[in-house]
Amino acid sequence: MPLPYVDTAGVWDLVAYQGDTRVWSFTMVDNNSNPINVSGAVITMTIKRQRGGSVPAIWTGSTTGGEITVTGAGSNTVNVYLDGDYPAGSLVYDVEFVESGRTITYLTGQFVVTTEVTE
């Protein structure tokens, strides 16, 4: 079954502490809380200082690079492993899913990073 289209991406703001490794897990379900199997999709998360195609990425992770995995009984839990190599400040991110030539952005939001004390 192909990934369902959405009218607009969900907005979920993320908060991190500079230098810390993090794992965020997103559970993908439809409007009826049924699991959405995303195991066939290439999933990419990109973090930037601001929105825009020409703005360089600060961090990019994907299922092909190993920074993102898919788990769960319904193959509907997306795990993003961040290595802590991102600057402090207010950043933006999105998570795109590509399957069968279709690109769907399911998540986007602010990525707020607090400046670390211990380096």
C-alpha atoms as a PDB file:
ATOM      1  CA  MET A   1       0.000   0.000   0.000  1.00  0.00           C
ATOM      2  CA  PRO A   2       1.505   3.380  -0.977  1.00  0.00           C
ATOM      3  CA  LEU A   3       2.148   6.114   1.558  1.00  0.00           C
ATOM      4  CA  PRO A   4      -0.885   8.378   2.005  1.00  0.00           C
ATOM      5  CA  TYR A   5      -0.699  11.983   0.883  1.00  0.00           C
ATOM      6  CA  VAL A   6      -1.224  14.739   3.428  1.00  0.00           C
ATOM      7  CA  ASP A   7      -2.570  18.242   2.833  1.00  0.00           C
ATOM      8  CA  THR A   8       0.067  19.769   5.071  1.00  0.00           C
ATOM      9  CA  ALA A   9       2.997  18.465   7.057  1.00  0.00           C
ATOM     10  CA  GLY A  10       2.574  17.977  10.783  1.00  0.00           C
ATOM     11  CA  VAL A  11       4.397  20.561  12.888  1.00  0.00           C
ATOM     12  CA  TRP A  12       6.408  19.293  15.838  1.00  0.00           C
ATOM     13  CA  ASP A  13       9.082  21.496  17.390  1.00  0.00           C
ATOM     14  CA  LEU A  14      12.171  19.684  18.678  1.00  0.00           C
ATOM     15  CA  VAL A  15      14.485  20.812  21.488  1.00  0.00           C
ATOM     16  CA  ALA A  16      18.056  19.597  21.973  1.00  0.00           C
ATOM     17  CA  TYR A  17      21.126  20.411  24.022  1.00  0.00           C
ATOM     18  CA  GLN A  18      24.211  21.296  21.961  1.00  0.00           C
ATOM     19  CA  GLY A  19      26.701  18.435  21.727  1.00  0.00           C
ATOM     20  CA  ASP A  20      24.311  15.760  23.005  1.00  0.00           C
ATOM     21  CA  THR A  21      23.501  12.731  20.920  1.00  0.00           C
ATOM     22  CA  ARG A  22      19.752  12.270  20.575  1.00  0.00           C
ATOM     23  CA  VAL A  23      17.252   9.763  19.281  1.00  0.00           C
ATOM     24  CA  TRP A  24      13.803  10.959  18.244  1.00  0.00           C
ATOM     25  CA  SER A  25      11.104   8.459  17.402  1.00  0.00           C
ATOM     26  CA  PHE A  26       8.048   9.296  15.318  1.00  0.00           C
ATOM     27  CA  THR A  27       5.172   6.809  15.118  1.00  0.00           C
ATOM     28  CA  MET A  28       3.359   6.960  11.801  1.00  0.00           C
ATOM     29  CA  VAL A  29      -0.403   6.309  11.939  1.00  0.00           C
ATOM     30  CA  ASP A  30      -3.345   7.292   9.750  1.00  0.00           C
ATOM     31  CA  ASN A  31      -6.437   9.261  10.808  1.00  0.00           C
ATOM     32  CA  ASN A  32      -7.901   6.080  12.331  1.00  0.00           C
ATOM     33  CA  SER A  33      -4.700   5.333  14.339  1.00  0.00           C
ATOM     34  CA  ASN A  34      -3.791   2.437  12.026  1.00  0.00           C
ATOM     35  CA  PRO A  35      -0.035   1.959  11.471  1.00  0.00           C
ATOM     36  CA  ILE A  36       1.412   3.327   8.224  1.00  0.00           C
ATOM     37  CA  ASN A  37       4.114   0.921   7.027  1.00  0.00           C
ATOM     38  CA  VAL A  38       7.033   3.125   5.916  1.00  0.00           C
ATOM     39  CA  SER A  39       9.607   0.347   5.475  1.00  0.00           C
ATOM     40  CA  GLY A  40       9.694   0.826   1.678  1.00  0.00           C
ATOM     41  CA  ALA A  41      10.377   4.555   1.790  1.00  0.00           C
ATOM     42  CA  VAL A  42      13.665   6.436   1.741  1.00  0.00           C
ATOM     43  CA  ILE A  43      13.358   8.825   4.682  1.00  0.00           C
ATOM     44  CA  THR A  44      15.512  11.943   5.001  1.00  0.00           C
ATOM     45  CA  MET A  45      15.669  14.555   7.765  1.00  0.00           C
ATOM     46  CA  THR A  46      17.383  17.872   7.029  1.00  0.00           C
ATOM     47  CA  ILE A  47      18.275  20.615   9.524  1.00  0.00           C
ATOM     48  CA  LYS A  48      19.028  24.162   8.301  1.00  0.00           C
ATOM     49  CA  ARG A  49      19.404  27.666   9.716  1.00  0.00           C
ATOM     50  CA  GLN A  50      16.389  28.797   7.676  1.00  0.00           C
ATOM     51  CA  ARG A  51      14.006  27.438   5.075  1.00  0.00           C
ATOM     52  CA  GLY A  52      14.922  27.468   1.405  1.00  0.00           C
ATOM     53  CA  GLY A  53      16.350  25.161  -1.222  1.00  0.00           C
ATOM     54  CA  SER A  54      19.593  27.087  -1.638  1.00  0.00           C
ATOM     55  CA  VAL A  55      20.323  27.271   2.108  1.00  0.00           C
ATOM     56  CA  PRO A  56      23.085  24.776   3.024  1.00  0.00           C
ATOM     57  CA  ALA A  57      22.115  21.945   5.339  1.00  0.00           C
ATOM     58  CA  ILE A  58      23.652  21.820   8.823  1.00  0.00           C
ATOM     59  CA  TRP A  59      22.778  18.137   9.241  1.00  0.00           C
ATOM     60  CA  THR A  60      21.203  15.529   6.976  1.00  0.00           C
ATOM     61  CA  GLY A  61      20.379  11.954   7.899  1.00  0.00           C
ATOM     62  CA  SER A  62      18.587   9.210   6.001  1.00  0.00           C
ATOM     63  CA  THR A  63      17.597   5.575   5.933  1.00  0.00           C
ATOM     64  CA  THR A  64      20.218   5.018   3.234  1.00  0.00           C
ATOM     65  CA  GLY A  65      22.938   6.560   5.425  1.00  0.00           C
ATOM     66  CA  GLY A  66      21.911   4.707   8.593  1.00  0.00           C
ATOM     67  CA  GLU A  67      21.033   7.798  10.661  1.00  0.00           C
ATOM     68  CA  ILE A  68      17.344   6.885  10.360  1.00  0.00           C
ATOM     69  CA  THR A  69      15.841   3.443  10.975  1.00  0.00           C
ATOM     70  CA  VAL A  70      12.324   2.013  10.761  1.00  0.00           C
ATOM     71  CA  THR A  71      11.166  -0.332  13.532  1.00  0.00           C
ATOM     72  CA  GLY A  72       7.997  -1.518  15.235  1.00  0.00           C
ATOM     73  CA  ALA A  73       5.549  -4.327  14.650  1.00  0.00           C
ATOM     74  CA  GLY A  74       3.824  -2.298  11.922  1.00  0.00           C
ATOM     75  CA  SER A  75       7.100  -0.946  10.481  1.00  0.00           C
ATOM     76  CA  ASN A  76       5.743   2.466  11.405  1.00  0.00           C
ATOM     77  CA  THR A  77       8.211   3.841  13.958  1.00  0.00           C
ATOM     78  CA  VAL A  78      10.844   6.175  12.506  1.00  0.00           C
ATOM     79  CA  ASN A  79      13.975   6.617  14.664  1.00  0.00           C
ATOM     80  CA  VAL A  80      16.313   9.541  13.968  1.00  0.00           C
ATOM     81  CA  TYR A  81      19.820   9.312  15.472  1.00  0.00           C
ATOM     82  CA  LEU A  82      21.449  12.737  15.839  1.00  0.00           C
ATOM     83  CA  ASP A  83      25.181  12.863  16.552  1.00  0.00           C
ATOM     84  CA  GLY A  84      25.203  16.173  18.467  1.00  0.00           C
ATOM     85  CA  ASP A  85      27.169  18.021  15.764  1.00  0.00           C
ATOM     86  CA  TYR A  86      24.854  21.008  15.348  1.00  0.00           C
ATOM     87  CA  PRO A  87      25.159  24.655  16.453  1.00  0.00           C
ATOM     88  CA  ALA A  88      23.158  26.335  19.195  1.00  0.00           C
ATOM     89  CA  GLY A  89      20.259  28.512  18.110  1.00  0.00           C
ATOM     90  CA  SER A  90      16.874  28.333  16.462  1.00  0.00           C
ATOM     91  CA  LEU A  91      17.034  26.099  13.401  1.00  0.00           C
ATOM     92  CA  VAL A  92      14.405  24.457  11.162  1.00  0.00           C
ATOM     93  CA  TYR A  93      13.958  20.868   9.978  1.00  0.00           C
ATOM     94  CA  ASP A  94      11.765  18.649   7.881  1.00  0.00           C
ATOM     95  CA  VAL A  95      11.365  14.924   7.346  1.00  0.00           C
ATOM     96  CA  GLU A  96      10.657  13.730   3.796  1.00  0.00           C
ATOM     97  CA  PHE A  97       9.548  10.291   2.658  1.00  0.00           C
ATOM     98  CA  VAL A  98      10.237   9.156  -0.910  1.00  0.00           C
ATOM     99  CA  GLU A  99       8.490   6.071  -2.241  1.00  0.00           C
ATOM    100  CA  SER A 100       7.797   5.043  -5.847  1.00  0.00           C
ATOM    101  CA  GLY A 101       8.920   8.459  -7.127  1.00  0.00           C
ATOM    102  CA  ARG A 102       6.599  10.377  -4.788  1.00  0.00           C
ATOM    103  CA  THR A 103       7.972  12.799  -2.183  1.00  0.00           C
ATOM    104  CA  ILE A 104       5.859  13.539   0.886  1.00  0.00           C
ATOM    105  CA  THR A 105       6.907  15.798   3.769  1.00  0.00           C
ATOM    106  CA  TYR A 106       5.204  14.467   6.896  1.00  0.00           C
ATOM    107  CA  LEU A 107       6.979  16.501   9.610  1.00  0.00           C
ATOM    108  CA  THR A 108       8.490  19.949   9.924  1.00  0.00           C
ATOM    109  CA  GLY A 109       9.171  22.496  12.646  1.00  0.00           C
ATOM    110  CA  GLN A 110      11.674  24.415  14.694  1.00  0.00           C
ATOM    111  CA  PHE A 111      14.812  22.687  15.972  1.00  0.00           C
ATOM    112  CA  VAL A 112      15.875  24.680  19.030  1.00  0.00           C
ATOM    113  CA  VAL A 113      19.359  23.942  20.380  1.00  0.00           C
ATOM    114  CA  THR A 114      20.446  25.214  23.803  1.00  0.00           C
ATOM    115  CA  THR A 115      24.103  26.259  24.104  1.00  0.00           C
ATOM    116  CA  GLU A 116      26.173  23.740  26.031  1.00  0.00           C
ATOM    117  CA  VAL A 117      28.169  24.645  29.139  1.00  0.00           C
ATOM    118  CA  THR A 118      30.699  21.790  29.122  1.00  0.00           C
ATOM    119  CA  GLU A 119      32.553  21.338  25.827  1.00  0.00           C
END
